[in-house]
N, C-alpha and C. Protein backbone atom coordinates (compact mmCIF):
# COMPACT_ATOMS: atom_id res chain seq x y z
N MET A 1 257.39 182.45 -218.19
CA MET A 1 256.43 181.39 -217.88
C MET A 1 257.14 180.04 -218.21
N GLY A 2 258.16 180.01 -219.11
CA GLY A 2 258.73 178.84 -219.47
C GLY A 2 259.30 177.99 -218.37
N LEU A 3 260.04 178.68 -217.48
CA LEU A 3 260.72 178.00 -216.36
C LEU A 3 259.63 177.55 -215.32
N LEU A 4 258.62 178.38 -215.13
CA LEU A 4 257.54 177.98 -214.23
C LEU A 4 256.71 176.72 -214.84
N GLY A 5 256.49 176.74 -216.10
CA GLY A 5 255.77 175.57 -216.73
C GLY A 5 256.59 174.41 -216.57
N LEU A 6 257.95 174.45 -216.81
CA LEU A 6 258.79 173.27 -216.66
C LEU A 6 258.79 172.79 -215.19
N ALA A 7 258.83 173.66 -214.27
CA ALA A 7 258.73 173.28 -212.85
C ALA A 7 257.40 172.58 -212.56
N LEU A 8 256.33 173.09 -213.15
CA LEU A 8 254.98 172.53 -212.94
C LEU A 8 254.93 171.11 -213.47
N VAL A 9 255.41 170.88 -214.72
CA VAL A 9 255.45 169.61 -215.33
C VAL A 9 256.32 168.59 -214.53
N LEU A 10 257.50 168.98 -214.15
CA LEU A 10 258.35 168.13 -213.32
C LEU A 10 257.69 167.83 -212.00
N GLY A 11 257.05 168.79 -211.35
CA GLY A 11 256.38 168.59 -210.07
C GLY A 11 255.26 167.61 -210.17
N LEU A 12 254.38 167.69 -211.22
CA LEU A 12 253.26 166.81 -211.45
C LEU A 12 253.81 165.42 -211.84
N GLY A 13 254.86 165.33 -212.61
CA GLY A 13 255.53 164.04 -212.86
C GLY A 13 255.97 163.32 -211.65
N GLY A 14 256.51 164.11 -210.73
CA GLY A 14 257.01 163.56 -209.50
C GLY A 14 255.94 163.03 -208.56
N MET A 15 254.73 163.53 -208.74
CA MET A 15 253.63 163.17 -207.94
C MET A 15 252.92 161.95 -208.60
N GLY A 16 253.34 161.49 -209.71
CA GLY A 16 252.84 160.31 -210.37
C GLY A 16 251.80 160.68 -211.42
N VAL A 17 251.63 161.94 -211.79
CA VAL A 17 250.72 162.30 -212.78
C VAL A 17 251.42 162.23 -214.12
N GLY A 18 250.74 161.56 -215.07
CA GLY A 18 251.46 161.42 -216.39
C GLY A 18 250.47 161.41 -217.48
N LEU A 19 250.90 161.09 -218.64
CA LEU A 19 250.03 161.04 -219.83
C LEU A 19 249.58 159.59 -220.02
N ALA A 20 248.29 159.37 -220.42
CA ALA A 20 247.81 158.03 -220.73
C ALA A 20 247.55 157.88 -222.22
N MET A 21 247.68 156.74 -222.67
CA MET A 21 247.43 156.49 -224.12
C MET A 21 246.42 155.38 -224.29
N TRP A 22 245.42 155.61 -225.15
CA TRP A 22 244.28 154.73 -225.33
C TRP A 22 244.79 153.42 -226.00
N SER A 23 244.21 152.27 -225.60
CA SER A 23 244.63 151.01 -226.31
C SER A 23 243.33 150.25 -226.49
N ASP A 24 243.18 149.42 -227.52
CA ASP A 24 241.99 148.64 -227.72
C ASP A 24 242.15 147.24 -227.12
N THR A 25 243.32 146.98 -226.46
CA THR A 25 243.43 145.67 -225.82
C THR A 25 243.68 145.87 -224.31
N LEU A 26 243.25 144.82 -223.61
CA LEU A 26 243.45 144.86 -222.17
C LEU A 26 244.00 143.51 -221.73
N THR A 27 245.13 143.57 -221.06
CA THR A 27 245.79 142.34 -220.65
C THR A 27 245.64 142.22 -219.08
N ILE A 28 245.10 141.07 -218.65
CA ILE A 28 244.98 140.84 -217.22
C ILE A 28 245.99 139.68 -216.89
N GLY A 29 246.86 139.98 -215.93
CA GLY A 29 247.86 138.98 -215.60
C GLY A 29 247.56 138.28 -214.28
N ALA A 30 246.25 138.12 -213.91
CA ALA A 30 245.88 137.47 -212.65
C ALA A 30 244.61 136.61 -212.85
N THR A 31 244.31 135.78 -211.89
CA THR A 31 243.09 134.96 -211.92
C THR A 31 242.13 135.38 -210.85
N MET A 32 240.91 135.18 -211.00
CA MET A 32 239.93 135.56 -210.00
C MET A 32 239.18 134.33 -209.48
N GLY A 33 238.78 134.30 -208.24
CA GLY A 33 238.01 133.16 -207.67
C GLY A 33 236.54 133.26 -208.19
N THR A 34 235.80 132.23 -207.91
CA THR A 34 234.40 132.28 -208.41
C THR A 34 233.47 132.93 -207.46
N GLY A 35 233.91 133.41 -206.34
CA GLY A 35 233.02 134.03 -205.40
C GLY A 35 232.15 133.15 -204.63
N GLU A 36 232.72 132.03 -204.19
CA GLU A 36 232.01 131.01 -203.39
C GLU A 36 232.14 131.36 -201.99
N TRP A 37 231.03 131.25 -201.20
CA TRP A 37 231.06 131.35 -199.74
C TRP A 37 229.86 130.59 -199.23
N VAL A 38 229.93 130.28 -197.96
CA VAL A 38 228.84 129.55 -197.28
C VAL A 38 227.90 130.60 -196.65
N GLN A 39 226.61 130.40 -197.03
CA GLN A 39 225.53 131.32 -196.47
C GLN A 39 224.65 130.46 -195.51
N CYS A 40 224.36 130.98 -194.34
CA CYS A 40 223.55 130.30 -193.38
C CYS A 40 222.29 131.18 -192.98
N GLY A 41 221.21 130.52 -192.77
CA GLY A 41 220.02 131.20 -192.32
C GLY A 41 219.09 130.30 -191.50
N THR A 42 217.94 130.89 -191.14
CA THR A 42 217.05 130.21 -190.29
C THR A 42 216.06 129.39 -191.13
N GLY A 43 215.76 128.12 -190.62
CA GLY A 43 214.80 127.28 -191.28
C GLY A 43 213.80 126.75 -190.23
N TYR A 44 212.62 126.60 -190.69
CA TYR A 44 211.53 126.03 -189.84
C TYR A 44 210.73 125.00 -190.57
N ALA A 45 210.27 123.99 -189.87
CA ALA A 45 209.42 123.01 -190.44
C ALA A 45 208.02 123.58 -190.64
N TYR A 46 207.42 123.22 -191.81
CA TYR A 46 206.07 123.72 -192.13
C TYR A 46 205.15 122.54 -192.46
N GLY A 47 204.17 122.32 -191.57
CA GLY A 47 203.18 121.14 -191.69
C GLY A 47 201.94 121.46 -192.32
N ASP A 48 201.90 122.20 -193.40
CA ASP A 48 200.66 122.46 -194.11
C ASP A 48 199.45 122.72 -193.28
N GLU A 49 198.47 121.87 -193.27
CA GLU A 49 197.28 122.06 -192.43
C GLU A 49 197.53 121.96 -190.96
N TYR A 50 198.64 121.46 -190.52
CA TYR A 50 198.93 121.39 -189.07
C TYR A 50 199.75 122.66 -188.60
N ALA A 51 200.17 123.51 -189.59
CA ALA A 51 201.08 124.66 -189.19
C ALA A 51 200.28 125.85 -188.78
N THR A 52 200.69 126.45 -187.64
CA THR A 52 200.16 127.72 -187.09
C THR A 52 201.32 128.69 -187.02
N PRO A 53 201.25 129.87 -187.73
CA PRO A 53 202.28 130.79 -187.55
C PRO A 53 202.47 131.31 -186.16
N PHE A 54 203.73 131.52 -185.76
CA PHE A 54 204.01 132.12 -184.44
C PHE A 54 203.24 133.39 -184.13
N THR A 55 203.07 134.16 -185.21
CA THR A 55 202.40 135.48 -185.05
C THR A 55 200.92 135.38 -184.69
N GLU A 56 200.27 134.19 -184.88
CA GLU A 56 198.87 133.94 -184.52
C GLU A 56 198.86 133.63 -183.03
N ILE A 57 200.00 133.38 -182.39
CA ILE A 57 199.94 133.03 -180.99
C ILE A 57 200.61 134.08 -180.19
N ILE A 58 201.65 134.72 -180.69
CA ILE A 58 202.39 135.83 -179.94
C ILE A 58 202.46 137.07 -180.93
N GLU A 59 201.86 138.06 -180.54
CA GLU A 59 201.92 139.27 -181.40
C GLU A 59 203.39 139.77 -181.62
N HIS A 60 203.73 140.16 -182.84
CA HIS A 60 205.05 140.68 -183.11
C HIS A 60 206.13 139.57 -183.09
N ALA A 61 205.74 138.37 -183.10
CA ALA A 61 206.81 137.22 -183.10
C ALA A 61 207.41 137.17 -184.46
N PRO A 62 208.60 136.62 -184.49
CA PRO A 62 209.29 136.51 -185.79
C PRO A 62 208.55 135.34 -186.59
N TRP A 63 208.97 135.13 -187.84
CA TRP A 63 208.36 134.14 -188.66
C TRP A 63 208.69 132.71 -188.11
N GLY A 64 207.88 131.72 -188.47
CA GLY A 64 208.03 130.38 -188.05
C GLY A 64 206.69 129.73 -187.70
N TRP A 65 206.72 128.40 -187.47
CA TRP A 65 205.40 127.68 -187.26
C TRP A 65 205.57 126.75 -186.13
N THR A 66 204.47 126.48 -185.46
CA THR A 66 204.26 125.30 -184.62
C THR A 66 203.37 124.41 -185.44
N ASN A 67 203.57 123.08 -185.33
CA ASN A 67 202.86 122.11 -186.07
C ASN A 67 202.02 121.17 -185.15
N GLY A 68 200.74 121.13 -185.23
CA GLY A 68 199.94 120.35 -184.41
C GLY A 68 198.51 120.86 -184.29
N PRO A 69 197.69 120.19 -183.41
CA PRO A 69 198.02 119.02 -182.65
C PRO A 69 198.15 117.78 -183.54
N LEU A 70 199.14 116.99 -183.21
CA LEU A 70 199.39 115.74 -183.96
C LEU A 70 199.06 114.49 -183.08
N PRO A 71 198.00 113.70 -183.50
CA PRO A 71 197.75 112.48 -182.81
C PRO A 71 198.83 111.43 -183.26
N PRO A 72 198.90 110.36 -182.58
CA PRO A 72 199.88 109.31 -182.98
C PRO A 72 199.82 109.07 -184.47
N GLY A 73 201.02 108.96 -185.08
CA GLY A 73 201.03 108.73 -186.52
C GLY A 73 202.44 109.10 -187.07
N GLU A 74 202.51 109.01 -188.41
CA GLU A 74 203.68 109.35 -189.10
C GLU A 74 203.51 110.69 -189.95
N TYR A 75 204.36 111.58 -189.87
CA TYR A 75 204.25 112.92 -190.59
C TYR A 75 205.47 113.29 -191.22
N GLU A 76 205.30 113.97 -192.39
CA GLU A 76 206.43 114.57 -193.12
C GLU A 76 206.13 116.07 -193.37
N PHE A 77 207.10 116.93 -192.89
CA PHE A 77 206.86 118.37 -193.08
C PHE A 77 208.04 118.90 -193.84
N ASP A 78 207.71 119.91 -194.76
CA ASP A 78 208.83 120.58 -195.37
C ASP A 78 209.58 121.50 -194.48
N ILE A 79 210.88 121.75 -194.68
CA ILE A 79 211.67 122.66 -193.94
C ILE A 79 212.02 123.81 -194.98
N TYR A 80 211.59 125.06 -194.59
CA TYR A 80 211.91 126.23 -195.40
C TYR A 80 212.92 127.13 -194.73
N ALA A 81 213.80 127.71 -195.45
CA ALA A 81 214.73 128.71 -194.94
C ALA A 81 214.30 130.08 -195.56
N GLY A 82 214.44 131.09 -194.76
CA GLY A 82 214.32 132.45 -195.24
C GLY A 82 212.83 132.77 -195.64
N ALA A 83 211.85 132.21 -195.12
CA ALA A 83 210.45 132.42 -195.39
C ALA A 83 209.92 133.61 -194.47
N GLY A 84 210.57 134.75 -194.49
CA GLY A 84 210.14 135.91 -193.67
C GLY A 84 208.69 136.15 -193.80
N GLY A 85 208.00 136.58 -192.72
CA GLY A 85 206.66 136.83 -192.77
C GLY A 85 205.81 135.60 -193.07
N ASN A 86 206.33 134.44 -192.82
CA ASN A 86 205.73 133.13 -193.11
C ASN A 86 205.24 133.04 -194.55
N ASP A 87 205.92 133.65 -195.48
CA ASP A 87 205.58 133.65 -196.86
C ASP A 87 206.41 132.60 -197.55
N LEU A 88 205.81 131.47 -197.90
CA LEU A 88 206.59 130.38 -198.50
C LEU A 88 207.17 130.83 -199.84
N ASN A 89 206.56 131.76 -200.53
CA ASN A 89 207.10 132.21 -201.83
C ASN A 89 208.44 132.97 -201.67
N THR A 90 208.73 133.48 -200.53
CA THR A 90 209.96 134.16 -200.30
C THR A 90 211.12 133.28 -199.74
N GLY A 91 210.60 132.00 -199.36
CA GLY A 91 211.55 131.09 -198.70
C GLY A 91 212.07 130.10 -199.68
N THR A 92 212.97 129.17 -199.29
CA THR A 92 213.54 128.17 -200.07
C THR A 92 213.29 126.83 -199.35
N LEU A 93 212.74 125.84 -200.14
CA LEU A 93 212.61 124.50 -199.52
C LEU A 93 213.99 123.89 -199.41
N VAL A 94 214.46 123.56 -198.20
CA VAL A 94 215.78 123.09 -197.94
C VAL A 94 215.84 121.62 -197.42
N GLY A 95 214.75 121.10 -196.98
CA GLY A 95 214.72 119.81 -196.48
C GLY A 95 213.43 119.28 -196.02
N MET A 96 213.45 118.13 -195.26
CA MET A 96 212.23 117.49 -194.78
C MET A 96 212.44 117.11 -193.25
N LEU A 97 211.32 117.25 -192.51
CA LEU A 97 211.28 116.80 -191.20
C LEU A 97 210.32 115.63 -191.11
N THR A 98 210.75 114.56 -190.48
CA THR A 98 209.86 113.37 -190.30
C THR A 98 209.56 113.21 -188.86
N VAL A 99 208.34 113.04 -188.49
CA VAL A 99 207.90 112.84 -187.09
C VAL A 99 207.21 111.43 -187.06
N ASN A 100 207.73 110.51 -186.26
CA ASN A 100 207.11 109.27 -186.02
C ASN A 100 206.69 109.18 -184.52
N TYR A 101 205.37 109.28 -184.28
CA TYR A 101 204.86 109.37 -182.94
C TYR A 101 203.94 108.27 -182.66
N ASP A 102 204.26 107.41 -181.65
CA ASP A 102 203.44 106.23 -181.28
C ASP A 102 202.57 106.43 -180.08
N GLY A 103 202.38 107.66 -179.58
CA GLY A 103 201.50 107.94 -178.47
C GLY A 103 202.34 108.10 -177.21
N SER A 104 203.64 107.75 -177.15
CA SER A 104 204.43 107.93 -175.97
C SER A 104 205.86 108.38 -176.33
N THR A 105 206.29 108.09 -177.54
CA THR A 105 207.69 108.41 -177.99
C THR A 105 207.54 109.02 -179.43
N ALA A 106 208.27 110.06 -179.57
CA ALA A 106 208.35 110.71 -180.90
C ALA A 106 209.82 110.66 -181.40
N ILE A 107 209.98 110.19 -182.55
CA ILE A 107 211.29 110.14 -183.18
C ILE A 107 211.16 111.26 -184.33
N VAL A 108 212.05 112.26 -184.21
CA VAL A 108 211.99 113.38 -185.09
C VAL A 108 213.32 113.46 -185.86
N THR A 109 213.23 113.45 -187.17
CA THR A 109 214.48 113.44 -187.91
C THR A 109 214.44 114.59 -188.99
N TYR A 110 215.51 115.34 -189.02
CA TYR A 110 215.74 116.43 -190.01
C TYR A 110 216.60 115.79 -191.10
N ASP A 111 216.26 115.96 -192.38
CA ASP A 111 216.95 115.51 -193.55
C ASP A 111 217.04 116.74 -194.47
N MET A 112 218.28 117.11 -194.81
CA MET A 112 218.52 118.31 -195.71
C MET A 112 218.53 117.78 -197.20
N ASP A 113 218.05 118.59 -198.05
CA ASP A 113 218.14 118.31 -199.56
C ASP A 113 219.52 118.61 -199.91
N GLU A 114 219.87 117.97 -201.14
CA GLU A 114 221.23 118.06 -201.57
C GLU A 114 221.65 119.51 -201.72
N GLY A 115 222.86 119.78 -201.23
CA GLY A 115 223.34 121.16 -201.29
C GLY A 115 223.17 121.96 -200.08
N ASN A 116 222.41 121.37 -199.09
CA ASN A 116 222.11 122.07 -197.87
C ASN A 116 222.64 121.26 -196.68
N THR A 117 223.08 122.03 -195.66
CA THR A 117 223.60 121.38 -194.46
C THR A 117 223.05 122.12 -193.28
N MET A 118 223.36 121.68 -192.06
CA MET A 118 222.85 122.25 -190.80
C MET A 118 224.09 122.41 -189.88
N ASP A 119 224.06 123.53 -189.14
CA ASP A 119 225.07 123.83 -188.17
C ASP A 119 224.45 123.59 -186.75
N ALA A 120 223.09 123.69 -186.65
CA ALA A 120 222.40 123.50 -185.35
C ALA A 120 220.95 123.16 -185.59
N THR A 121 220.46 122.46 -184.63
CA THR A 121 218.89 122.21 -184.61
C THR A 121 218.39 122.50 -183.23
N HIS A 122 217.13 122.97 -183.19
CA HIS A 122 216.44 123.15 -181.90
C HIS A 122 215.06 122.61 -182.12
N LEU A 123 214.59 121.79 -181.12
CA LEU A 123 213.33 121.13 -181.29
C LEU A 123 212.48 121.21 -180.06
N TYR A 124 211.21 121.50 -180.23
CA TYR A 124 210.17 121.47 -179.16
C TYR A 124 209.24 120.33 -179.57
N VAL A 125 208.90 119.48 -178.60
CA VAL A 125 207.89 118.47 -178.78
C VAL A 125 207.05 118.41 -177.48
N GLY A 126 205.83 118.75 -177.47
CA GLY A 126 205.01 118.73 -176.25
C GLY A 126 203.56 119.02 -176.43
N THR A 127 202.76 119.01 -175.47
CA THR A 127 201.30 119.23 -175.54
C THR A 127 200.88 120.68 -175.72
N ASP A 128 201.68 121.60 -175.27
CA ASP A 128 201.41 123.05 -175.47
C ASP A 128 201.77 123.39 -176.96
N GLU A 129 201.10 124.38 -177.49
CA GLU A 129 201.38 124.90 -178.82
C GLU A 129 202.81 125.34 -178.97
N LEU A 130 203.44 125.99 -177.91
CA LEU A 130 204.77 126.47 -177.97
C LEU A 130 205.39 126.06 -176.63
N PRO A 131 206.82 126.07 -176.54
CA PRO A 131 207.51 125.84 -175.29
C PRO A 131 207.20 127.02 -174.42
N LEU A 132 207.38 126.87 -173.08
CA LEU A 132 207.25 127.98 -172.14
C LEU A 132 208.62 128.44 -171.71
N ASN A 133 208.73 129.75 -171.50
CA ASN A 133 209.99 130.21 -170.90
C ASN A 133 209.94 130.10 -169.42
N LYS A 134 211.05 130.55 -168.80
CA LYS A 134 211.15 130.41 -167.35
C LYS A 134 210.01 131.17 -166.58
N LYS A 135 209.47 132.09 -167.14
CA LYS A 135 208.30 132.87 -166.49
C LYS A 135 206.90 132.15 -166.80
N GLY A 136 206.93 131.07 -167.54
CA GLY A 136 205.72 130.34 -167.91
C GLY A 136 204.94 130.85 -169.08
N ASN A 137 205.62 131.75 -169.86
CA ASN A 137 205.00 132.29 -171.05
C ASN A 137 205.45 131.58 -172.34
N PRO A 138 204.56 131.52 -173.29
CA PRO A 138 205.00 130.91 -174.60
C PRO A 138 206.14 131.64 -175.19
N THR A 139 207.05 130.94 -175.82
CA THR A 139 208.24 131.52 -176.45
C THR A 139 208.53 130.87 -177.76
N VAL A 140 209.10 131.59 -178.63
CA VAL A 140 209.59 131.10 -179.91
C VAL A 140 211.09 131.19 -180.06
N ALA A 141 211.77 131.43 -178.99
CA ALA A 141 213.28 131.55 -178.91
C ALA A 141 213.82 130.06 -179.11
N PRO A 142 214.48 129.75 -180.18
CA PRO A 142 215.01 128.36 -180.37
C PRO A 142 215.78 127.83 -179.22
N GLY A 143 216.55 128.64 -178.55
CA GLY A 143 217.45 128.09 -177.48
C GLY A 143 216.60 127.62 -176.30
N GLN A 144 215.24 127.94 -176.27
CA GLN A 144 214.43 127.54 -175.11
C GLN A 144 213.48 126.44 -175.51
N TYR A 145 213.73 125.73 -176.64
CA TYR A 145 212.87 124.66 -177.06
C TYR A 145 213.03 123.38 -176.24
N GLY A 146 214.18 123.28 -175.53
CA GLY A 146 214.38 122.06 -174.71
C GLY A 146 215.24 120.99 -175.28
N ASN A 147 215.42 120.98 -176.54
CA ASN A 147 216.23 119.95 -177.28
C ASN A 147 217.12 120.73 -178.28
N THR A 148 218.43 120.61 -178.08
CA THR A 148 219.36 121.38 -178.93
C THR A 148 220.54 120.52 -179.28
N HIS A 149 220.89 120.71 -180.56
CA HIS A 149 222.21 120.09 -181.10
C HIS A 149 222.92 121.31 -181.69
N ASP A 150 223.86 121.89 -181.05
CA ASP A 150 224.53 123.09 -181.50
C ASP A 150 225.79 122.87 -182.28
N ASP A 151 226.37 121.71 -182.36
CA ASP A 151 227.66 121.46 -182.96
C ASP A 151 227.54 120.47 -184.11
N LEU A 152 226.67 120.75 -185.05
CA LEU A 152 226.37 119.75 -186.17
C LEU A 152 227.41 119.94 -187.27
N ASP A 153 227.99 121.05 -187.38
CA ASP A 153 229.14 121.35 -188.30
C ASP A 153 228.94 120.83 -189.69
N GLY A 154 227.82 121.18 -190.32
CA GLY A 154 227.58 120.83 -191.64
C GLY A 154 226.94 119.46 -191.89
N ALA A 155 226.17 119.00 -190.90
CA ALA A 155 225.46 117.73 -191.05
C ALA A 155 224.30 117.83 -192.02
N THR A 156 223.99 116.68 -192.62
CA THR A 156 222.83 116.68 -193.50
C THR A 156 221.60 115.98 -192.87
N THR A 157 221.78 115.35 -191.76
CA THR A 157 220.73 114.76 -191.00
C THR A 157 220.96 114.94 -189.54
N ASP A 158 219.80 114.91 -188.75
CA ASP A 158 219.89 114.98 -187.31
C ASP A 158 218.64 114.35 -186.74
N SER A 159 218.74 113.73 -185.68
CA SER A 159 217.53 113.04 -185.08
C SER A 159 217.46 113.16 -183.59
N TYR A 160 216.26 113.19 -183.06
CA TYR A 160 215.96 113.25 -181.67
C TYR A 160 214.96 112.15 -181.34
N THR A 161 215.04 111.51 -180.17
CA THR A 161 214.00 110.67 -179.65
C THR A 161 213.46 111.30 -178.32
N ILE A 162 212.22 111.64 -178.33
CA ILE A 162 211.59 112.26 -177.22
C ILE A 162 210.57 111.35 -176.52
N THR A 163 210.82 110.99 -175.29
CA THR A 163 209.93 110.05 -174.55
C THR A 163 209.03 110.74 -173.54
N GLY A 164 208.16 109.94 -172.97
CA GLY A 164 207.29 110.47 -171.85
C GLY A 164 206.16 111.27 -172.40
N LEU A 165 205.76 111.14 -173.66
CA LEU A 165 204.66 111.94 -174.18
C LEU A 165 203.31 111.16 -174.07
N SER A 166 202.20 111.96 -174.20
CA SER A 166 200.90 111.36 -174.26
C SER A 166 199.96 112.35 -174.91
N GLY A 167 198.91 111.84 -175.52
CA GLY A 167 197.93 112.66 -176.13
C GLY A 167 198.54 113.24 -177.40
N SER A 168 197.83 114.25 -177.97
CA SER A 168 198.28 114.92 -179.22
C SER A 168 199.46 115.84 -178.87
N ILE A 169 200.34 116.04 -179.74
CA ILE A 169 201.55 116.82 -179.53
C ILE A 169 201.66 117.90 -180.54
N HIS A 170 202.54 118.98 -180.26
CA HIS A 170 202.91 119.97 -181.16
C HIS A 170 204.39 119.93 -181.37
N VAL A 171 204.88 120.27 -182.55
CA VAL A 171 206.25 120.13 -182.90
C VAL A 171 206.67 121.52 -183.43
N VAL A 172 207.74 122.07 -182.89
CA VAL A 172 208.47 123.25 -183.48
C VAL A 172 209.85 122.83 -183.83
N ALA A 173 210.14 122.85 -185.02
CA ALA A 173 211.50 122.39 -185.41
C ALA A 173 212.27 123.48 -186.21
N HIS A 174 213.35 123.91 -185.58
CA HIS A 174 214.19 125.04 -186.11
C HIS A 174 215.53 124.48 -186.53
N ALA A 175 216.19 124.94 -187.59
CA ALA A 175 217.51 124.60 -187.97
C ALA A 175 218.24 125.77 -188.46
N VAL A 176 219.53 125.82 -188.11
CA VAL A 176 220.51 126.78 -188.81
C VAL A 176 220.97 126.08 -190.06
N VAL A 177 220.42 126.50 -191.18
CA VAL A 177 220.66 125.88 -192.53
C VAL A 177 221.64 126.65 -193.27
N CYS A 178 222.63 125.90 -193.92
CA CYS A 178 223.73 126.48 -194.67
C CYS A 178 223.75 125.93 -196.10
N TRP A 179 224.21 126.78 -196.99
CA TRP A 179 224.25 126.38 -198.43
C TRP A 179 225.36 127.18 -199.07
N LEU A 180 225.88 126.71 -200.17
CA LEU A 180 227.01 127.37 -200.87
C LEU A 180 226.41 128.40 -201.84
N GLU A 181 226.91 129.63 -201.68
CA GLU A 181 226.49 130.73 -202.57
C GLU A 181 227.63 130.89 -203.61
N ILE A 182 227.21 131.10 -204.86
CA ILE A 182 228.16 131.36 -205.86
C ILE A 182 227.79 132.60 -206.62
N SER A 183 228.74 133.56 -206.65
CA SER A 183 228.51 134.74 -207.42
C SER A 183 228.74 134.50 -208.87
N PRO A 184 227.91 135.07 -209.78
CA PRO A 184 228.16 134.93 -211.18
C PRO A 184 229.53 135.53 -211.59
N PRO A 185 230.17 134.91 -212.55
CA PRO A 185 231.41 135.41 -213.03
C PRO A 185 231.35 136.75 -213.62
């Protein structure tokens, strides 16, 4: 068995199996990053008493709100990201939407809070609660809101001027909101 044992030890050693010895010290000869990356998500303006969840208008719709009816005036609405199920407690306040409506023109401005940016915005302003798709049905698809800025590339503010309005209006304001995520060390 002596020759066979020697062959086994030499074979295992050739495959990289060896003996380990315990040590109370650990030396690391490299550095690690902080784990920073940009995270993006969906954000919608929420107008408190003016806000109606999409799900109250369209069954099984995703989260988000239409805001109105708004008579002429000045309004400020919070913008929340990640408020799934229209639950503000699960969302994050990321900015403010300002609506200045004089009865014929609405100037709508998105302003992000510090640390938040936007890659895109989609805006609906009109007399219907929601925009209508090509078939004439209400839609919550941001690409069908009628006003789009897709190439904002990290902007902190964005503005639209909508003309030809009359009466009370509804506003649906969507943004692709981004922020820096940092993993704990």
